[in-house]
Every structure is written in structure tokens, then in C-alpha cells.
Amino acid sequence: MYQGFLSWRFLTAKRINWVGIIGVYVGVTALILILSIMSGFLEQQRRMVRGSLAHLVVEPSPMPHIDGTPLPASSEPLQQAILADPRVESATTQLSWFSMLMQGGARGSLISTSRLSDTQSAKLVGVQIVGIDIENELRTTDLLASLQPPPAEASINQTYGYIAVENPNDPFSEPEGLEYQQPWAWCIVGQQLAIVHGLRRGSEINLGTMIPDPQTGKVRQSNRKYLVAGTFRTGENEIDLGRIYMDRRDLHDFLGTHRDYSQVLVKLHDYERDGQAVMGDLSASLVQKRLIRDAGLGELKTWEQYRGNLLGAIENEKVLMAIMLSLVLVVAGFTVFAILTMMIAEKRRDIGILAALGATPRGTMWIFLLIGFWDALLGAVGGAVTGVLAALNIDSIEQSISQALGVEIFNRDVYLFDHIPAVVDPVSVGVIVLGAFVCTLTFAAIPSWRASRMNPIDALRYE
């Protein structure tokens, strides 16, 4: 009993002990806040990357089977085999190709027309053109969300260059109010692509590409003009700057290739529960039906595997940040060690008196070890509460500080986020608090053990 009373008495008698408490408090607060923000960024990145994909991606190799049998030219057998699994909610087919884009001006009554032959004003850029079946695409991916206009409070860079499609459920339909003399195929482009190249509704773009003949091996050139119907915005810069969507039938006609698909995207009813099981079953089934060449070559992946490099990089940043911030707790532990060492030196006579009154070496050690415990308890609990509250309200805190200092701390245009994301993980909070206790008590144990080894007679002689 006396150990707890004396440890608290020694703790409150010296104001310098608050330095150790504050050190633990700051370390725990920083760890919880930063890791919550990093977790929020990871979730936002996962959401944005997932927006352009589905749960599973089936991407058959263009190479024939080992025995020379070619894969089906149509996607129908592959899609039917996938939809036969009751765990699959929907599937959509995509045809993708890389092309050179040349802006050729605009058509219609909204913008004046510039001549395609004016090569000095033309802009060449490499883009990925993706042909989609819009009805299945909207059921399987989050494309519809990327066709929605930015919120009213979004910054100017998020709203500038955005061209809303007139009908999100049919974005390739002809916009009203444009005059043209012949039918055109319509497409939607990424918002960043529209900003960089000054595209507007009705802008005319020319797509040119080289297409190899699978039979002869010769390469032929193909060019076609399209009109911009609107823009989409996923928040992923690579996609918004270099992708164009159009109807898959139009793209297949433009390319004139043997196969009418490049990949099939699959959405499951419950991806968290069935993802790995469906992936394994589909791999065996599609190989057996000779609809894919070999799942071992990476022809069937989850969307995390498909975007593994990006998600892995963010996860690694989170781990490295946690390791670096953990050094703050180590510094706080050193502070507790130094304070206890000085306190024991000052309390040598008191330690001798306690020994004379019957205190055991273990009892003496527990007195000073409990001081470290109080430091950890007050600092870790206070830091956990502050860190969680700060993480939950980080957006309003940042805006208040930015307004007070007149400096934009978090530029939302850089990340295309409307707010600072933060996800508080109770398990991570518990691990941080436990780590603070372990670190503090470890550093407190060394001087406490030295105090217990002190000779009572020498301690009583200490002036």
C-alpha cells in the first residue's frame, strides 16, 4: 500500500515529472493522429482505385493455348461462364487500346471550329481508350459516381474543366444544342485531360493508332474522329489525365481487331467473404473451359492485386511513419529515465530511512517503478483521448488553423479530396497505448532497480 502512496507523493512533489508525462502524451497523440490520417488516405486511395475497377479482373492473354487453340474472339462465352457462379452479382466487358490523341477543334454552335489540318495548334498526347457496355459498366463499377458533378463547396480546380454529361445513364448520347451535319460517335474524357487540352462539350478529337494484324504480322494505321460529350472525374490523376471512354462497339469497329474484348470486370455480392474462394473456383473453371490460357500467368486477379503497387506504397508509407513517430515514445522514455535517475539521487536519504523502517528492496523498486506507471497512465490515456478527438475533427481543426495563420496547410486540389481523410482504428489505438506503457516502464525499470540495490547505510550517510 505504501508504495502507491509514496510514488504518487514523489510524482506530484516535483514539477519536472510533468515533462515525462507531457512527452508520453505528445508521442501517443502524434502517433494516433498521423496514423489515422494515413489510414484515411489509404482508404481514399482504395476507394478511388476501386472506382475504375471491379472486385475481380479477368484479363485473358492474347496468346493462344499451348496446343495452338486460340481463345474465343467474343466475350460472350467468358461472361456467361462468370455469371453462372451464384456469388457473382454482375460482370462487364471492356476493350482497351492505347492511342495518340490530336485535338482538332470543336463542332457545333457552342464553340468556334478550328481546322484539323492546322498542325501548329494541334496537341498530340498518348491516351488509353476504353470501350465499355454502359449498362453493365454502371452496374459493375463506380463509373456513375465519377460522372456526378463536384460538390458546390469544391475548390476551383475541381470544378474548372468539368463538363457534366446530360444523361449519366447514357453518357454517349448526343447532347442537345449542338449542330452537326453528319452523325458522330461521342466519348467522355477525364477532367484533367479536358483541362490540359482545353476540351469542351462538342470538341472534336482525332484518335490515331497502329494495329498489328494477328495473321500477317503487318501493322496498319487507323484514325477516327470523335466528339466530346462530357467529362468524368475519379480523383486518380493517372486515369483523369489519360483515359477516354466510348462505346465498346464503336471502339471495336474503329480498331477492327479479331477480339472484341480485353478484360472482364466482375462484381461479387460479398467480396470480403467470397473474394478468394470465387477467385480460386473461377480460375479452375475458366481454364478447364479453355476461356483463359492460364490463371497462373495473372489472367485473373483481385482489384487489390491489380493495383498492388499503389496500395502497397501507401501501406509502406504508413508503416514507416509509425516507426519514425515511435521514436517520440523512445525519447519520452529517455526523459522518464533521466528524471527518475535525478530523483533517486535526491531521495537517497529517504530511501535509507524507508529501509530502516522495514522497506524491502522490492518495495523500494516498486515505488519508483510506479512513478513510471503514473507517467505512462496519465500521458497515454490523455494522449489517446486527444489523438482520437483530433483525428475525428481534423478537417475543422485544419481550417481553423489555416484561417488564423493565413496559410493553406492542406491543399485539397493536390489530392482532389474535399476533406482531410482520417480513420480511427480502435486496435491501433490500443496497440499505441500499450506500446507507450511498455516503453515507459522499460526505461523506468532501470533506475528503479538501481534504487533497490542501494546500500541503506550509505544512503543514510548521504547529505
Protein backbone atom coordinates (compact mmCIF):
# COMPACT_ATOMS: atom_id res chain seq x y z
CA MET A 1 0.00 0.00 0.00
CA TYR A 2 2.73 2.44 0.94
CA GLN A 3 4.40 2.07 -2.48
CA GLY A 4 1.42 3.57 -4.30
CA PHE A 5 1.05 6.44 -1.83
CA LEU A 6 4.75 7.34 -1.84
CA SER A 7 5.06 7.05 -5.63
CA TRP A 8 2.19 9.49 -6.13
CA ARG A 9 3.66 11.79 -3.48
CA PHE A 10 7.07 11.80 -5.15
CA LEU A 11 5.43 12.37 -8.55
CA THR A 12 3.43 15.44 -7.52
CA ALA A 13 6.18 16.92 -5.37
CA LYS A 14 8.44 17.58 -8.39
CA ARG A 15 7.10 19.62 -11.30
CA ILE A 16 9.79 18.22 -13.55
CA ASN A 17 7.88 14.92 -13.56
CA TRP A 18 5.32 16.62 -15.81
CA VAL A 19 7.96 16.73 -18.52
CA GLY A 20 7.88 12.92 -18.72
CA ILE A 21 4.08 12.88 -18.73
CA ILE A 22 3.95 15.50 -21.50
CA GLY A 23 6.50 13.53 -23.53
CA VAL A 24 4.35 10.39 -23.44
CA TYR A 25 1.23 12.48 -24.09
CA VAL A 26 2.70 14.13 -27.20
CA GLY A 27 4.04 10.83 -28.53
CA VAL A 28 0.72 8.99 -28.21
CA THR A 29 -1.25 11.92 -29.63
CA ALA A 30 1.05 12.24 -32.65
CA LEU A 31 1.03 8.51 -33.35
CA ILE A 32 -2.77 8.21 -33.23
CA LEU A 33 -3.36 11.37 -35.26
CA ILE A 34 -0.82 10.69 -38.00
CA LEU A 35 -1.67 7.00 -38.37
CA SER A 36 -5.39 7.83 -38.51
CA ILE A 37 -4.75 10.32 -41.30
CA MET A 38 -2.54 7.84 -43.15
CA SER A 39 -5.25 5.20 -42.79
CA GLY A 40 -7.75 7.70 -44.16
CA PHE A 41 -5.53 8.41 -47.15
CA LEU A 42 -5.21 4.67 -47.76
CA GLU A 43 -8.97 4.21 -47.67
CA GLN A 44 -9.47 7.15 -50.04
CA GLN A 45 -6.89 5.73 -52.42
CA ARG A 46 -8.52 2.30 -52.24
CA ARG A 47 -11.90 3.87 -52.99
CA MET A 48 -10.59 5.86 -55.96
CA VAL A 49 -8.63 2.96 -57.41
CA ARG A 50 -11.57 0.62 -56.86
CA GLY A 51 -13.82 3.12 -58.65
CA SER A 52 -12.32 2.29 -62.04
CA LEU A 53 -12.23 -1.46 -61.43
CA ALA A 54 -14.46 -4.18 -60.02
CA HIS A 55 -13.82 -6.83 -57.37
CA LEU A 56 -12.17 -9.23 -59.80
CA VAL A 57 -10.42 -8.57 -63.11
CA VAL A 58 -10.27 -11.31 -65.77
CA GLU A 59 -7.67 -10.36 -68.38
CA PRO A 60 -7.05 -13.25 -70.80
CA SER A 61 -3.69 -13.41 -72.52
CA PRO A 62 -3.75 -12.66 -76.27
CA MET A 63 -1.58 -15.74 -76.77
CA PRO A 64 -3.31 -18.99 -77.82
CA HIS A 65 -3.28 -22.15 -75.74
CA ILE A 66 -0.16 -24.28 -75.65
CA ASP A 67 -1.64 -26.59 -78.29
CA GLY A 68 -2.28 -23.62 -80.59
CA THR A 69 -6.02 -23.33 -79.97
CA PRO A 70 -6.97 -19.62 -79.99
CA LEU A 71 -9.04 -18.07 -77.23
CA PRO A 72 -12.64 -17.12 -78.13
CA ALA A 73 -12.87 -13.92 -80.18
CA SER A 74 -16.11 -12.91 -78.43
CA SER A 75 -16.51 -12.16 -74.76
CA GLU A 76 -19.93 -13.80 -74.51
CA PRO A 77 -18.74 -17.32 -73.52
CA LEU A 78 -16.40 -15.86 -70.89
CA GLN A 79 -19.05 -13.56 -69.44
CA GLN A 80 -21.68 -16.32 -69.33
CA ALA A 81 -19.30 -18.67 -67.54
CA ILE A 82 -18.55 -15.99 -64.94
CA LEU A 83 -22.21 -15.08 -64.37
CA ALA A 84 -23.05 -18.77 -63.84
CA ASP A 85 -21.49 -18.52 -60.37
CA PRO A 86 -24.27 -17.51 -57.92
CA ARG A 87 -21.78 -15.45 -55.87
CA VAL A 88 -21.26 -13.12 -58.84
CA GLU A 89 -23.58 -10.10 -58.90
CA SER A 90 -22.67 -8.67 -62.31
CA ALA A 91 -19.94 -8.54 -64.93
CA THR A 92 -18.99 -6.13 -67.67
CA THR A 93 -16.72 -6.36 -70.71
CA GLN A 94 -14.11 -3.77 -71.64
CA LEU A 95 -11.98 -3.30 -74.72
CA SER A 96 -8.93 -1.10 -74.17
CA TRP A 97 -6.26 0.21 -76.51
CA PHE A 98 -3.61 2.89 -76.47
CA SER A 99 -3.80 5.68 -78.99
CA MET A 100 -2.49 9.12 -79.88
CA LEU A 101 -4.98 11.94 -79.39
CA MET A 102 -4.90 15.06 -81.57
CA GLN A 103 -7.27 17.84 -80.72
CA GLY A 104 -8.91 19.09 -83.89
CA GLY A 105 -11.03 21.92 -82.55
CA ALA A 106 -14.76 21.98 -81.82
CA ARG A 107 -18.00 21.46 -83.69
CA GLY A 108 -21.45 22.77 -83.09
CA SER A 109 -22.84 26.14 -82.07
CA LEU A 110 -21.15 26.35 -78.66
CA ILE A 111 -17.51 26.79 -79.74
CA SER A 112 -15.97 28.04 -82.97
CA THR A 113 -14.43 25.37 -85.19
CA SER A 114 -10.70 25.08 -85.88
CA ARG A 115 -9.30 23.11 -88.79
CA LEU A 116 -7.89 19.65 -88.14
CA SER A 117 -5.15 20.32 -90.67
CA ASP A 118 -3.75 23.18 -88.56
CA THR A 119 -0.88 21.13 -87.13
CA GLN A 120 0.65 24.10 -85.30
CA SER A 121 -2.35 24.33 -82.96
CA ALA A 122 -2.84 20.57 -82.69
CA LYS A 123 -1.82 18.78 -79.49
CA LEU A 124 -0.59 15.20 -79.50
CA VAL A 125 -0.81 13.07 -76.38
CA GLY A 126 -0.91 9.36 -75.60
CA VAL A 127 -4.19 8.16 -74.09
CA GLN A 128 -5.89 4.92 -73.18
CA ILE A 129 -9.21 4.45 -74.93
CA VAL A 130 -11.60 2.09 -73.17
CA GLY A 131 -14.71 0.70 -74.84
CA ILE A 132 -17.47 -0.18 -72.38
CA ASP A 133 -21.00 -1.55 -72.35
CA ILE A 134 -22.52 1.32 -70.41
CA GLU A 135 -25.45 -0.56 -68.83
CA ASN A 136 -23.28 -3.37 -67.45
CA GLU A 137 -20.50 -0.90 -66.59
CA LEU A 138 -22.75 1.16 -64.33
CA ARG A 139 -23.92 -2.00 -62.53
CA THR A 140 -20.42 -3.36 -62.02
CA THR A 141 -18.12 -0.38 -61.38
CA ASP A 142 -18.46 3.06 -59.79
CA LEU A 143 -18.33 4.92 -63.10
CA LEU A 144 -21.67 6.58 -62.32
CA ALA A 145 -20.13 8.25 -59.26
CA SER A 146 -17.33 9.71 -61.40
CA LEU A 147 -19.95 11.26 -63.70
CA GLN A 148 -21.50 13.24 -60.86
CA PRO A 149 -20.57 16.96 -60.60
CA PRO A 150 -18.18 18.05 -57.83
CA PRO A 151 -19.83 19.39 -54.65
CA ALA A 152 -20.69 23.07 -54.54
CA GLU A 153 -18.01 23.77 -51.91
CA ALA A 154 -15.27 22.14 -54.01
CA SER A 155 -12.25 24.26 -54.95
CA ILE A 156 -11.95 25.92 -58.35
CA ASN A 157 -9.54 23.30 -59.70
CA GLN A 158 -12.10 20.60 -59.02
CA THR A 159 -14.89 22.45 -60.80
CA TYR A 160 -12.91 24.06 -63.61
CA GLY A 161 -12.98 22.00 -66.78
CA TYR A 162 -15.79 19.76 -65.54
CA ILE A 163 -18.36 19.08 -68.28
CA ALA A 164 -21.44 17.32 -66.99
CA VAL A 165 -22.95 14.74 -69.30
CA GLU A 166 -26.62 15.32 -69.98
CA ASN A 167 -27.65 11.76 -69.13
CA PRO A 168 -25.28 9.88 -66.77
CA ASN A 169 -27.08 6.61 -67.56
CA ASP A 170 -26.31 7.13 -71.27
CA PRO A 171 -23.25 9.40 -71.41
CA PHE A 172 -22.57 8.66 -75.11
CA SER A 173 -25.86 10.13 -76.29
CA GLU A 174 -25.86 13.31 -78.37
CA PRO A 175 -26.01 16.50 -76.26
CA GLU A 176 -28.76 18.90 -77.19
CA GLY A 177 -27.96 22.31 -78.64
CA LEU A 178 -25.14 21.22 -80.94
CA GLU A 179 -25.46 21.48 -84.69
CA TYR A 180 -23.69 18.97 -86.92
CA GLN A 181 -24.10 17.84 -90.49
CA GLN A 182 -23.26 14.16 -90.11
CA PRO A 183 -23.58 11.56 -87.33
CA TRP A 184 -20.64 11.38 -84.91
CA ALA A 185 -19.51 8.95 -82.25
CA TRP A 186 -19.39 10.53 -78.81
CA CYS A 187 -16.96 9.91 -75.96
CA ILE A 188 -16.27 11.12 -72.43
CA VAL A 189 -12.79 12.18 -71.32
CA GLY A 190 -11.07 12.59 -67.96
CA GLN A 191 -11.48 16.00 -66.35
CA GLN A 192 -7.72 16.63 -66.13
CA LEU A 193 -7.35 15.71 -69.80
CA ALA A 194 -10.05 18.25 -70.66
CA ILE A 195 -8.34 20.94 -68.57
CA VAL A 196 -4.86 20.39 -70.00
CA HIS A 197 -6.02 20.35 -73.62
CA GLY A 198 -8.85 22.86 -73.38
CA LEU A 199 -11.60 20.45 -74.39
CA ARG A 200 -15.24 21.49 -74.20
CA ARG A 201 -18.55 19.84 -74.99
CA GLY A 202 -18.54 19.35 -78.74
CA SER A 203 -14.74 19.48 -79.05
CA GLU A 204 -13.52 17.37 -81.92
CA ILE A 205 -10.65 14.98 -81.20
CA ASN A 206 -8.82 12.75 -83.62
CA LEU A 207 -7.61 9.36 -82.39
CA GLY A 208 -4.88 7.59 -84.30
CA THR A 209 -3.28 4.25 -83.54
CA MET A 210 -1.25 1.43 -85.04
CA ILE A 211 -2.92 -2.00 -85.16
CA PRO A 212 -0.98 -5.23 -85.85
CA ASP A 213 -2.61 -7.92 -87.98
CA PRO A 214 -2.53 -11.18 -85.95
CA GLN A 215 -2.40 -13.26 -89.17
CA THR A 216 0.26 -11.48 -91.24
CA GLY A 217 2.03 -9.50 -88.53
CA LYS A 218 1.79 -6.31 -90.59
CA VAL A 219 0.91 -3.06 -88.86
CA ARG A 220 -1.76 -0.76 -90.23
CA GLN A 221 -2.73 2.75 -89.21
CA SER A 222 -6.23 3.70 -88.16
CA ASN A 223 -7.68 7.17 -87.49
CA ARG A 224 -11.12 8.31 -86.46
CA LYS A 225 -12.73 11.49 -85.15
CA TYR A 226 -14.90 11.69 -82.03
CA LEU A 227 -16.81 14.43 -80.25
CA VAL A 228 -16.58 15.09 -76.50
CA ALA A 229 -19.92 14.65 -74.72
CA GLY A 230 -18.63 15.36 -71.21
CA THR A 231 -16.01 14.52 -68.61
CA PHE A 232 -15.61 12.11 -65.72
CA ARG A 233 -13.65 12.59 -62.50
CA THR A 234 -12.29 9.67 -60.49
CA GLY A 235 -9.74 11.62 -58.42
CA GLU A 236 -6.93 9.35 -59.66
CA ASN A 237 -4.70 11.63 -61.70
CA GLU A 238 -3.37 8.88 -63.99
CA ILE A 239 -6.89 7.98 -65.10
CA ASP A 240 -8.32 11.50 -65.27
CA LEU A 241 -5.38 12.66 -67.37
CA GLY A 242 -5.04 9.77 -69.77
CA ARG A 243 -8.30 7.89 -70.31
CA ILE A 244 -11.20 8.20 -72.75
CA TYR A 245 -14.38 6.14 -72.53
CA MET A 246 -16.53 5.26 -75.55
CA ASP A 247 -19.00 2.60 -76.60
CA ARG A 248 -17.29 -0.79 -76.97
CA ARG A 249 -18.92 -1.46 -80.34
CA ASP A 250 -17.61 1.85 -81.70
CA LEU A 251 -14.10 1.08 -80.47
CA HIS A 252 -14.17 -2.45 -81.88
CA ASP A 253 -15.28 -1.07 -85.23
CA PHE A 254 -12.52 1.56 -85.08
CA LEU A 255 -9.79 -0.96 -84.27
CA GLY A 256 -11.07 -3.75 -86.48
CA THR A 257 -9.39 -6.33 -84.24
CA HIS A 258 -10.24 -10.03 -84.07
CA ARG A 259 -11.24 -9.97 -80.39
CA ASP A 260 -13.91 -7.61 -79.11
CA TYR A 261 -12.69 -7.50 -75.51
CA SER A 262 -9.57 -7.03 -73.42
CA GLN A 263 -10.85 -7.82 -69.94
CA VAL A 264 -13.97 -8.66 -67.99
CA LEU A 265 -14.66 -6.95 -64.66
CA VAL A 266 -16.57 -8.95 -62.05
CA LYS A 267 -18.58 -7.66 -59.09
CA LEU A 268 -19.44 -10.04 -56.23
CA HIS A 269 -22.33 -9.96 -53.80
CA ASP A 270 -19.92 -10.16 -50.84
CA TYR A 271 -16.32 -9.60 -51.82
CA GLU A 272 -14.94 -9.68 -48.27
CA ARG A 273 -16.46 -13.10 -47.66
CA ASP A 274 -16.23 -14.78 -51.06
CA GLY A 275 -13.41 -12.96 -52.87
CA GLN A 276 -10.62 -15.52 -52.53
CA ALA A 277 -12.97 -18.52 -52.86
CA VAL A 278 -14.58 -17.20 -56.07
CA MET A 279 -11.17 -16.35 -57.49
CA GLY A 280 -9.95 -19.91 -56.95
CA ASP A 281 -13.12 -21.51 -58.33
CA LEU A 282 -13.24 -19.25 -61.37
CA SER A 283 -9.57 -19.88 -62.13
CA ALA A 284 -10.10 -23.62 -62.30
CA SER A 285 -13.40 -23.35 -64.16
CA LEU A 286 -12.24 -20.89 -66.84
CA VAL A 287 -9.03 -22.81 -67.51
CA GLN A 288 -10.99 -26.06 -67.79
CA LYS A 289 -13.43 -24.45 -70.25
CA ARG A 290 -10.42 -23.06 -72.16
CA LEU A 291 -11.69 -19.50 -71.80
CA ILE A 292 -8.41 -18.29 -70.32
CA ARG A 293 -4.96 -19.65 -71.06
CA ASP A 294 -3.53 -19.99 -67.55
CA ALA A 295 -4.66 -18.29 -64.34
CA GLY A 296 -1.11 -18.69 -63.06
CA LEU A 297 0.04 -16.08 -65.57
CA GLY A 298 -2.00 -13.45 -63.79
CA GLU A 299 -5.06 -13.59 -66.02
CA LEU A 300 -7.38 -13.49 -63.00
CA LYS A 301 -6.70 -11.04 -60.17
CA THR A 302 -8.46 -9.26 -57.38
CA TRP A 303 -8.53 -5.50 -57.70
CA GLU A 304 -6.02 -5.21 -54.82
CA GLN A 305 -3.59 -7.38 -56.75
CA TYR A 306 -4.23 -5.38 -59.91
CA ARG A 307 -3.34 -2.13 -58.08
CA GLY A 308 -0.95 -3.73 -55.62
CA ASN A 309 1.97 -1.38 -56.27
CA LEU A 310 0.00 1.75 -55.44
CA LEU A 311 -1.75 0.33 -52.39
CA GLY A 312 1.49 -1.28 -51.19
CA ALA A 313 3.35 2.03 -51.46
CA ILE A 314 0.77 3.81 -49.30
CA GLU A 315 0.78 0.97 -46.78
CA ASN A 316 4.59 1.11 -46.61
CA GLU A 317 4.44 4.86 -46.01
CA LYS A 318 2.05 4.24 -43.14
CA VAL A 319 4.38 1.66 -41.57
CA LEU A 320 7.46 3.87 -41.99
CA MET A 321 5.62 6.81 -40.48
CA ALA A 322 4.63 4.68 -37.49
CA ILE A 323 8.24 3.58 -36.97
CA MET A 324 9.56 7.15 -37.15
CA LEU A 325 6.89 8.50 -34.80
CA SER A 326 7.58 5.66 -32.37
CA LEU A 327 10.92 7.36 -31.74
CA VAL A 328 8.94 10.08 -29.97
CA LEU A 329 7.92 7.49 -27.37
CA VAL A 330 11.55 6.37 -27.07
CA VAL A 331 12.57 9.99 -26.39
CA ALA A 332 9.80 10.25 -23.80
CA GLY A 333 11.11 7.04 -22.22
CA PHE A 334 14.61 8.51 -22.03
CA THR A 335 13.11 11.58 -20.36
CA VAL A 336 11.44 9.43 -17.71
CA PHE A 337 14.72 7.57 -17.22
CA ALA A 338 16.64 10.83 -16.68
CA ILE A 339 14.04 12.27 -14.31
CA LEU A 340 13.91 9.11 -12.18
CA THR A 341 17.69 8.94 -12.07
CA MET A 342 17.89 12.50 -10.71
CA MET A 343 15.02 11.86 -8.30
CA ILE A 344 16.67 8.75 -6.88
CA ALA A 345 19.89 10.69 -6.40
CA GLU A 346 17.97 13.34 -4.45
CA LYS A 347 15.97 10.78 -2.45
CA ARG A 348 18.91 8.65 -1.33
CA ARG A 349 18.44 9.65 2.33
CA ASP A 350 14.69 8.97 2.10
CA ILE A 351 15.45 5.54 0.63
CA GLY A 352 17.75 4.82 3.58
CA ILE A 353 15.06 5.87 6.08
CA LEU A 354 12.49 3.63 4.33
CA ALA A 355 14.95 0.71 4.52
CA ALA A 356 15.49 1.40 8.23
CA LEU A 357 11.74 1.34 8.78
CA GLY A 358 11.49 -2.08 7.16
CA ALA A 359 11.02 -1.41 3.43
CA THR A 360 12.33 -4.29 1.32
CA PRO A 361 14.46 -3.77 -1.83
CA ARG A 362 11.48 -4.95 -3.89
CA GLY A 363 9.23 -2.41 -2.16
CA THR A 364 11.73 0.35 -2.91
CA MET A 365 11.90 -0.67 -6.55
CA TRP A 366 8.10 -0.64 -6.82
CA ILE A 367 7.92 2.93 -5.52
CA PHE A 368 9.91 4.32 -8.41
CA LEU A 369 8.53 1.86 -10.93
CA LEU A 370 5.05 3.11 -10.05
CA ILE A 371 6.18 6.65 -10.80
CA GLY A 372 6.88 5.47 -14.35
CA PHE A 373 3.47 3.79 -14.36
CA TRP A 374 1.75 7.07 -13.41
CA ASP A 375 3.69 8.84 -16.18
CA ALA A 376 2.53 6.25 -18.69
CA LEU A 377 -1.05 6.20 -17.42
CA LEU A 378 -1.59 9.96 -17.46
CA GLY A 379 0.33 10.53 -20.68
CA ALA A 380 -1.04 7.58 -22.67
CA VAL A 381 -4.69 7.96 -21.66
CA GLY A 382 -4.62 11.73 -22.16
CA GLY A 383 -2.82 11.32 -25.49
CA ALA A 384 -5.28 8.66 -26.66
CA VAL A 385 -8.29 10.84 -25.90
CA THR A 386 -6.73 13.90 -27.53
CA GLY A 387 -5.48 11.94 -30.55
CA VAL A 388 -8.88 10.35 -31.24
CA LEU A 389 -10.74 13.65 -30.86
CA ALA A 390 -8.21 15.44 -33.06
CA ALA A 391 -8.44 12.74 -35.75
CA LEU A 392 -12.24 12.88 -35.79
CA ASN A 393 -12.22 16.68 -36.11
CA ILE A 394 -9.00 17.17 -38.09
CA ASP A 395 -10.73 18.88 -41.01
CA SER A 396 -12.28 21.66 -38.92
CA ILE A 397 -9.05 21.99 -36.90
CA GLU A 398 -7.01 22.43 -40.09
CA GLN A 399 -9.39 25.04 -41.47
CA SER A 400 -9.32 27.00 -38.21
CA ILE A 401 -5.51 26.99 -38.10
CA SER A 402 -5.29 27.92 -41.80
CA GLN A 403 -7.62 30.86 -41.28
CA ALA A 404 -5.74 32.00 -38.18
CA LEU A 405 -2.31 31.82 -39.85
CA GLY A 406 -3.46 32.88 -43.31
CA VAL A 407 -1.72 29.86 -44.83
CA GLU A 408 -3.33 26.90 -46.63
CA ILE A 409 -1.99 23.91 -44.71
CA PHE A 410 -3.79 21.21 -46.71
CA ASN A 411 -4.21 21.89 -50.42
CA ARG A 412 -7.27 19.91 -51.45
CA ASP A 413 -6.51 20.40 -55.14
CA VAL A 414 -3.35 18.30 -54.86
CA TYR A 415 -5.17 15.18 -53.64
CA LEU A 416 -8.61 16.00 -55.09
CA PHE A 417 -10.09 15.36 -51.62
CA ASP A 418 -12.90 17.54 -50.31
CA HIS A 419 -11.70 16.96 -46.75
CA ILE A 420 -8.76 15.54 -44.84
CA PRO A 421 -9.49 11.81 -44.51
CA ALA A 422 -8.98 10.14 -41.15
CA VAL A 423 -9.91 6.64 -39.99
CA VAL A 424 -9.57 5.80 -36.29
CA ASP A 425 -8.79 2.13 -35.75
CA PRO A 426 -9.53 1.02 -32.15
CA VAL A 427 -6.99 -1.81 -32.42
CA SER A 428 -4.25 0.59 -33.48
CA VAL A 429 -5.14 2.95 -30.64
CA GLY A 430 -4.91 0.08 -28.16
CA VAL A 431 -1.53 -1.02 -29.55
CA ILE A 432 -0.16 2.54 -29.29
CA VAL A 433 -1.32 2.92 -25.69
CA LEU A 434 0.13 -0.48 -24.78
CA GLY A 435 3.39 0.44 -26.52
CA ALA A 436 3.58 3.67 -24.50
CA PHE A 437 3.20 1.69 -21.27
CA VAL A 438 5.83 -0.87 -22.26
CA CYS A 439 8.33 1.77 -23.38
CA THR A 440 7.89 3.97 -20.31
CA LEU A 441 8.02 1.10 -17.79
CA THR A 442 11.09 -0.35 -19.51
CA PHE A 443 13.02 2.88 -19.12
CA ALA A 444 11.68 3.36 -15.57
CA ALA A 445 12.77 -0.15 -14.55
CA ILE A 446 16.49 0.62 -14.86
CA PRO A 447 16.74 3.43 -12.24
CA SER A 448 14.16 1.64 -10.06
CA TRP A 449 16.34 -1.47 -9.99
CA ARG A 450 19.37 0.66 -9.05
CA ALA A 451 17.40 2.23 -6.20
CA SER A 452 16.56 -1.22 -4.84
CA ARG A 453 20.27 -2.16 -4.91
CA MET A 454 21.27 0.88 -2.85
CA ASN A 455 23.02 0.19 0.50
CA PRO A 456 20.79 1.58 3.31
CA ILE A 457 23.78 2.62 5.47
CA ASP A 458 25.39 4.57 2.62
CA ALA A 459 22.04 6.09 1.84
CA LEU A 460 21.58 7.34 5.44
CA ARG A 461 25.03 8.95 5.35
CA TYR A 462 24.12 10.88 2.18
CA GLU A 463 23.89 14.62 2.79
